[in-house]
N, C-alpha and C. Protein backbone atom coordinates (compact mmCIF):
# COMPACT_ATOMS: atom_id res chain seq x y z
N MET A 1 26.45 -9.97 -1.87
CA MET A 1 25.23 -9.10 -1.66
C MET A 1 24.42 -8.49 -2.55
N ASN A 2 23.38 -8.95 -3.01
CA ASN A 2 22.62 -8.44 -4.30
C ASN A 2 21.51 -7.55 -3.66
N TYR A 3 21.31 -6.42 -4.49
CA TYR A 3 20.14 -5.43 -4.50
C TYR A 3 18.92 -5.88 -4.78
N CYS A 4 18.12 -6.04 -4.20
CA CYS A 4 16.87 -6.63 -4.60
C CYS A 4 15.51 -5.80 -4.23
N GLY A 5 15.74 -4.55 -3.78
CA GLY A 5 14.69 -3.46 -3.81
C GLY A 5 14.40 -2.81 -4.45
N ALA A 6 13.21 -1.93 -4.33
CA ALA A 6 12.75 -1.08 -5.26
C ALA A 6 13.85 0.40 -5.52
N GLN A 7 13.94 0.97 -6.52
CA GLN A 7 14.56 1.96 -6.43
C GLN A 7 14.01 3.21 -5.79
N PRO A 8 15.09 4.39 -5.14
CA PRO A 8 14.13 5.38 -4.54
C PRO A 8 13.48 6.38 -5.51
N THR A 9 12.19 6.78 -5.06
CA THR A 9 11.44 7.38 -5.97
C THR A 9 11.94 8.79 -6.05
N CYS A 10 11.34 9.69 -6.98
CA CYS A 10 11.81 10.82 -7.31
C CYS A 10 11.14 11.89 -6.41
N PRO A 11 11.57 12.52 -5.44
CA PRO A 11 11.38 13.37 -4.56
C PRO A 11 10.22 14.48 -5.76
N TRP A 12 9.06 15.15 -5.01
CA TRP A 12 8.06 15.59 -5.72
C TRP A 12 8.81 17.10 -6.01
N LYS A 13 9.50 17.69 -5.09
CA LYS A 13 9.97 18.88 -5.30
C LYS A 13 11.13 19.05 -6.42
N THR A 14 11.44 17.72 -6.80
CA THR A 14 12.62 17.94 -7.86
C THR A 14 12.25 17.21 -9.21
N VAL A 15 10.82 17.44 -9.73
CA VAL A 15 10.13 16.69 -10.60
C VAL A 15 11.11 16.92 -12.16
N PRO A 16 11.39 18.12 -12.35
CA PRO A 16 12.36 18.38 -13.25
C PRO A 16 13.71 17.60 -13.41
N ASN A 17 14.28 17.09 -12.37
CA ASN A 17 15.43 16.53 -12.58
C ASN A 17 15.78 15.02 -11.94
N CYS A 18 14.64 14.51 -12.30
CA CYS A 18 14.72 12.94 -11.82
C CYS A 18 13.96 12.29 -12.63
N ILE A 19 14.41 11.17 -13.23
CA ILE A 19 13.78 10.55 -14.07
C ILE A 19 13.88 8.73 -13.50
N ASN A 20 12.77 7.92 -13.42
CA ASN A 20 12.51 6.93 -13.02
C ASN A 20 11.58 5.86 -13.50
N SER A 21 12.21 4.74 -13.89
CA SER A 21 11.66 3.61 -14.90
C SER A 21 10.49 2.85 -13.93
N GLN A 22 10.94 2.83 -12.75
CA GLN A 22 10.11 2.23 -11.64
C GLN A 22 9.17 2.81 -10.70
N SER A 23 9.51 4.20 -10.47
CA SER A 23 8.37 4.46 -9.73
C SER A 23 7.73 5.95 -10.48
N GLY A 24 8.57 6.51 -11.47
CA GLY A 24 8.36 7.66 -11.93
C GLY A 24 7.05 7.81 -12.37
N ARG A 25 6.33 9.35 -12.47
CA ARG A 25 4.99 9.79 -12.74
C ARG A 25 5.20 10.87 -13.84
N ASP A 26 4.27 11.28 -14.98
CA ASP A 26 4.58 12.31 -15.46
C ASP A 26 6.02 12.37 -16.08
N ALA A 27 6.22 13.95 -15.80
CA ALA A 27 7.68 14.03 -16.29
C ALA A 27 8.69 13.22 -15.97
N GLN A 28 8.64 12.40 -14.81
CA GLN A 28 9.74 11.67 -13.64
C GLN A 28 9.92 10.54 -14.73
N ALA A 29 8.98 10.02 -15.51
CA ALA A 29 8.48 8.51 -16.04
C ALA A 29 9.30 8.27 -17.12
N SER A 30 9.83 6.97 -17.22
CA SER A 30 10.88 6.43 -18.50
C SER A 30 10.45 4.93 -18.50
N GLU A 31 10.39 4.02 -19.43
CA GLU A 31 10.33 2.94 -19.86
C GLU A 31 11.69 2.27 -19.01
N PRO A 32 11.00 1.00 -18.65
CA PRO A 32 12.50 0.22 -18.27
C PRO A 32 13.17 -0.23 -19.41
N ILE A 33 14.57 -0.60 -19.56
CA ILE A 33 15.34 -0.88 -20.48
C ILE A 33 15.14 -2.27 -20.87
N ARG A 34 14.56 -3.25 -21.87
CA ARG A 34 14.49 -4.24 -21.82
C ARG A 34 15.72 -5.10 -22.48
N ALA A 35 16.19 -6.08 -21.73
CA ALA A 35 17.66 -6.45 -21.71
C ALA A 35 17.56 -8.08 -21.11
N ASN A 36 18.58 -8.85 -21.63
CA ASN A 36 18.96 -10.28 -21.26
C ASN A 36 20.10 -10.13 -20.54
N ALA A 37 20.54 -11.26 -19.97
CA ALA A 37 22.02 -11.34 -19.13
C ALA A 37 22.98 -10.51 -19.95
N GLU A 38 23.05 -11.35 -21.21
CA GLU A 38 24.35 -10.45 -21.80
C GLU A 38 24.14 -9.35 -21.95
N GLN A 39 23.24 -8.99 -22.40
CA GLN A 39 23.14 -7.42 -22.62
C GLN A 39 22.95 -6.54 -21.60
N TRP A 40 22.83 -6.97 -20.36
CA TRP A 40 23.30 -6.22 -18.94
C TRP A 40 24.86 -6.26 -18.89
N GLN A 41 25.24 -7.35 -18.90
CA GLN A 41 26.71 -7.05 -18.88
C GLN A 41 27.55 -6.34 -19.80
N GLU A 42 27.17 -6.32 -21.27
CA GLU A 42 27.66 -5.36 -22.02
C GLU A 42 27.14 -3.88 -22.00
N LEU A 43 26.09 -3.47 -21.11
CA LEU A 43 25.88 -2.24 -20.76
C LEU A 43 26.60 -1.89 -19.52
N LYS A 44 26.99 -2.69 -18.61
CA LYS A 44 27.71 -2.25 -17.45
C LYS A 44 28.97 -2.09 -17.82
N ALA A 45 29.59 -2.91 -19.01
CA ALA A 45 30.98 -2.41 -19.54
C ALA A 45 31.15 -1.14 -20.51
N TRP A 46 30.11 -0.76 -21.42
CA TRP A 46 29.81 0.36 -21.71
C TRP A 46 30.01 1.54 -21.14
N ILE A 47 29.30 1.19 -19.81
CA ILE A 47 29.48 2.32 -18.69
C ILE A 47 30.75 2.43 -17.89
N ALA A 48 31.31 1.68 -17.71
CA ALA A 48 32.51 1.44 -17.40
C ALA A 48 33.76 2.05 -18.29
N ARG A 49 33.38 2.15 -19.57
CA ARG A 49 34.31 3.09 -20.47
C ARG A 49 33.85 4.78 -20.46
N GLN A 50 32.37 4.92 -19.89
CA GLN A 50 32.52 6.50 -20.29
C GLN A 50 33.31 7.43 -19.50
N GLU A 51 33.31 8.26 -20.25
CA GLU A 51 34.38 9.67 -19.50
C GLU A 51 33.54 10.21 -18.61
N GLY A 52 33.59 10.64 -17.27
CA GLY A 52 32.97 11.18 -16.62
C GLY A 52 31.61 10.43 -15.52
N TRP A 53 32.28 9.21 -15.72
CA TRP A 53 31.39 7.98 -15.23
C TRP A 53 31.81 7.47 -13.96
N GLU A 54 31.81 7.63 -12.47
CA GLU A 54 32.17 6.88 -11.77
C GLU A 54 31.36 5.52 -10.98
N ILE A 55 31.95 4.36 -11.12
CA ILE A 55 30.95 3.49 -10.48
C ILE A 55 31.19 3.37 -9.19
N THR A 56 30.33 3.59 -8.53
CA THR A 56 30.37 3.66 -6.79
C THR A 56 29.90 2.01 -6.43
N VAL A 57 28.80 1.34 -6.93
CA VAL A 57 28.37 0.07 -6.59
C VAL A 57 28.41 -0.77 -7.80
N ASP A 58 28.98 -1.83 -7.79
CA ASP A 58 28.53 -2.93 -9.05
C ASP A 58 28.38 -4.02 -8.19
N ASP A 59 27.23 -4.41 -7.91
CA ASP A 59 26.68 -5.76 -7.34
C ASP A 59 25.92 -6.38 -8.01
N GLY A 60 26.48 -7.37 -8.66
CA GLY A 60 25.89 -8.16 -9.71
C GLY A 60 24.55 -7.63 -10.40
N ASN A 61 23.59 -7.58 -9.84
CA ASN A 61 22.36 -7.18 -10.94
C ASN A 61 21.92 -5.51 -9.99
N PHE A 62 22.71 -4.94 -9.80
CA PHE A 62 22.58 -3.57 -9.30
C PHE A 62 24.20 -2.69 -9.43
N MET A 63 23.86 -1.51 -10.22
CA MET A 63 25.01 -0.84 -10.32
C MET A 63 24.34 0.55 -9.98
N GLN A 64 25.41 1.23 -9.39
CA GLN A 64 25.10 2.64 -9.26
C GLN A 64 26.26 3.52 -9.71
N ALA A 65 26.16 4.87 -10.01
CA ALA A 65 27.35 5.49 -10.71
C ALA A 65 27.11 6.97 -10.42
N ILE A 66 28.07 7.75 -10.27
CA ILE A 66 27.88 9.22 -10.27
C ILE A 66 28.82 9.56 -11.41
N VAL A 67 27.77 10.60 -12.20
CA VAL A 67 28.12 10.94 -13.61
C VAL A 67 28.55 12.47 -13.45
N THR A 68 29.72 13.22 -13.77
CA THR A 68 29.89 14.24 -13.88
C THR A 68 29.80 14.94 -15.26
N THR A 69 28.67 15.90 -15.18
CA THR A 69 28.52 16.90 -16.37
C THR A 69 29.57 17.27 -17.25
N PRO A 70 29.82 17.43 -18.21
CA PRO A 70 31.27 18.02 -19.01
C PRO A 70 31.45 19.61 -18.43
N LEU A 71 30.72 20.09 -18.97
CA LEU A 71 30.72 21.65 -18.97
C LEU A 71 30.13 22.33 -17.46
N MET A 72 29.29 21.94 -16.90
CA MET A 72 29.40 22.74 -15.42
C MET A 72 29.73 22.04 -14.24
N LYS A 73 30.24 20.66 -14.88
CA LYS A 73 30.65 19.77 -13.93
C LYS A 73 29.60 19.21 -12.44
N PHE A 74 28.23 19.31 -12.93
CA PHE A 74 27.40 18.84 -11.88
C PHE A 74 27.42 17.35 -11.63
N ARG A 75 27.02 17.09 -10.62
CA ARG A 75 27.04 15.69 -10.55
C ARG A 75 25.90 14.78 -10.13
N ASP A 76 25.62 14.12 -11.20
CA ASP A 76 24.25 13.27 -11.36
C ASP A 76 24.49 11.68 -10.51
N ASP A 77 23.15 11.29 -10.05
CA ASP A 77 23.39 10.09 -9.79
C ASP A 77 22.37 9.02 -10.52
N VAL A 78 23.11 7.56 -10.78
CA VAL A 78 22.40 6.93 -11.84
C VAL A 78 22.34 5.39 -11.38
N GLN A 79 21.12 4.87 -10.98
CA GLN A 79 20.89 3.66 -10.53
C GLN A 79 20.40 2.79 -11.56
N LEU A 80 20.89 1.47 -11.86
CA LEU A 80 20.30 0.34 -12.65
C LEU A 80 20.12 -0.82 -11.58
N LEU A 81 18.98 -1.48 -12.20
CA LEU A 81 18.73 -2.44 -11.37
C LEU A 81 18.02 -3.55 -12.66
N PHE A 82 18.92 -4.68 -12.33
CA PHE A 82 18.77 -6.06 -13.83
C PHE A 82 17.43 -6.99 -12.96
N LEU A 83 16.74 -6.98 -13.55
CA LEU A 83 15.68 -7.80 -13.05
C LEU A 83 15.77 -9.08 -13.91
N PRO A 84 16.48 -10.29 -13.99
CA PRO A 84 16.81 -11.33 -14.97
C PRO A 84 15.47 -11.80 -15.24
N ASP A 85 14.51 -12.39 -14.50
CA ASP A 85 13.29 -12.96 -14.74
C ASP A 85 12.51 -12.07 -15.38
N ASP A 86 12.51 -10.76 -15.22
CA ASP A 86 11.76 -10.01 -16.17
C ASP A 86 12.39 -9.50 -17.38
N ARG A 87 13.68 -9.73 -17.24
CA ARG A 87 14.22 -9.23 -18.50
C ARG A 87 14.11 -7.77 -18.91
N LEU A 88 14.50 -7.04 -17.60
CA LEU A 88 14.03 -5.75 -17.66
C LEU A 88 15.59 -5.22 -16.91
N ILE A 89 15.91 -3.61 -17.46
CA ILE A 89 16.78 -2.78 -16.24
C ILE A 89 15.85 -1.69 -15.66
N GLN A 90 15.54 -1.63 -14.47
CA GLN A 90 15.12 -0.31 -14.17
C GLN A 90 15.93 0.50 -13.80
N VAL A 91 15.82 1.67 -14.07
CA VAL A 91 16.72 2.94 -14.24
C VAL A 91 16.54 4.14 -13.83
N ARG A 92 17.32 4.40 -12.80
CA ARG A 92 16.76 6.07 -12.33
C ARG A 92 18.15 7.06 -12.54
N SER A 93 17.54 8.21 -12.78
CA SER A 93 18.97 9.19 -12.89
C SER A 93 18.22 10.25 -12.57
N SER A 94 19.28 10.90 -11.40
CA SER A 94 18.74 12.19 -10.79
C SER A 94 19.86 13.35 -10.77
N SER A 95 19.63 14.53 -10.49
CA SER A 95 20.71 15.30 -10.40
C SER A 95 20.96 15.76 -8.99
N GLN A 96 22.07 15.67 -8.62
CA GLN A 96 22.35 15.81 -6.91
C GLN A 96 21.75 17.42 -6.29
N LEU A 97 22.00 18.43 -7.60
CA LEU A 97 21.66 19.79 -7.29
C LEU A 97 20.82 20.25 -8.22
N GLY A 98 20.08 21.45 -7.94
CA GLY A 98 19.12 22.24 -8.76
C GLY A 98 17.72 21.71 -9.01
N LEU A 99 17.09 22.33 -9.51
CA LEU A 99 15.70 21.80 -9.74
C LEU A 99 15.65 21.90 -11.14
N SER A 100 16.33 22.16 -11.97
CA SER A 100 16.13 21.80 -13.43
C SER A 100 17.63 21.67 -14.04
N GLU A 101 17.68 20.53 -14.78
CA GLU A 101 18.50 19.90 -15.54
C GLU A 101 18.67 19.80 -16.83
N MET A 102 17.60 20.59 -17.41
CA MET A 102 17.64 20.84 -18.85
C MET A 102 17.49 19.66 -19.68
N GLY A 103 16.87 18.46 -19.35
CA GLY A 103 16.93 17.37 -19.94
C GLY A 103 17.79 16.22 -19.85
N THR A 104 18.94 16.67 -19.24
CA THR A 104 20.02 15.80 -19.27
C THR A 104 20.00 14.72 -18.47
N ASN A 105 19.06 14.43 -17.58
CA ASN A 105 18.49 12.73 -17.04
C ASN A 105 18.00 12.07 -18.30
N ALA A 106 16.75 12.72 -18.71
CA ALA A 106 16.25 11.93 -19.79
C ALA A 106 17.02 11.78 -21.10
N ARG A 107 17.95 12.73 -21.34
CA ARG A 107 18.91 12.21 -22.56
C ARG A 107 19.73 11.21 -21.91
N ARG A 108 20.23 11.09 -20.83
CA ARG A 108 21.11 9.95 -20.27
C ARG A 108 20.56 8.52 -20.22
N VAL A 109 19.19 8.51 -19.75
CA VAL A 109 18.57 7.38 -20.09
C VAL A 109 18.03 6.92 -21.51
N GLU A 110 17.99 7.76 -22.34
CA GLU A 110 17.73 7.52 -23.73
C GLU A 110 18.97 6.87 -24.49
N ALA A 111 20.09 7.56 -23.74
CA ALA A 111 21.71 6.93 -24.28
C ALA A 111 21.66 5.33 -23.93
N LEU A 112 21.29 5.40 -22.55
CA LEU A 112 21.22 3.72 -22.06
C LEU A 112 20.33 2.93 -22.70
N HIS A 113 19.38 3.08 -23.22
CA HIS A 113 18.31 2.40 -23.96
C HIS A 113 18.92 2.22 -25.40
N GLU A 114 19.73 3.34 -25.88
CA GLU A 114 20.52 2.95 -27.50
C GLU A 114 21.36 2.00 -27.27
N GLN A 115 22.19 1.63 -26.06
CA GLN A 115 23.22 0.78 -25.96
C GLN A 115 22.39 -0.54 -25.99
N ILE A 116 21.25 -0.96 -25.78
CA ILE A 116 20.58 -2.29 -25.87
C ILE A 116 19.97 -2.43 -27.13
N ARG A 117 19.56 -1.26 -27.77
CA ARG A 117 18.88 -1.37 -29.02
C ARG A 117 19.71 -2.11 -30.17
N PRO A 118 19.14 -2.70 -30.96
CA PRO A 118 19.94 -3.19 -32.25
C PRO A 118 20.23 -2.53 -33.42
């Protein structure tokens, strides 16, 4: 089974703790990651090696993980949706608790972008 729908939007009440490349607005917005199929596989392999990342779904073009922050042990949700025809990875990162995460999700999404850049 392949995930083919849109990622969940960021709830309005959690503006500071959710980033979404598919439907985010203002502080919630992020650019999707440009990638081909090989880069998508490399990114998935990189994620699998990261300490504190637990992959809960790896269904071909969709991956979901729970990331535990090192210091405070907060759990965050990360979803990645690879759209091969568009050569894009839509990404969503959100905190499970709290109204502010001090930029953790934005930094995480930027780290994912960095894995694809030459």
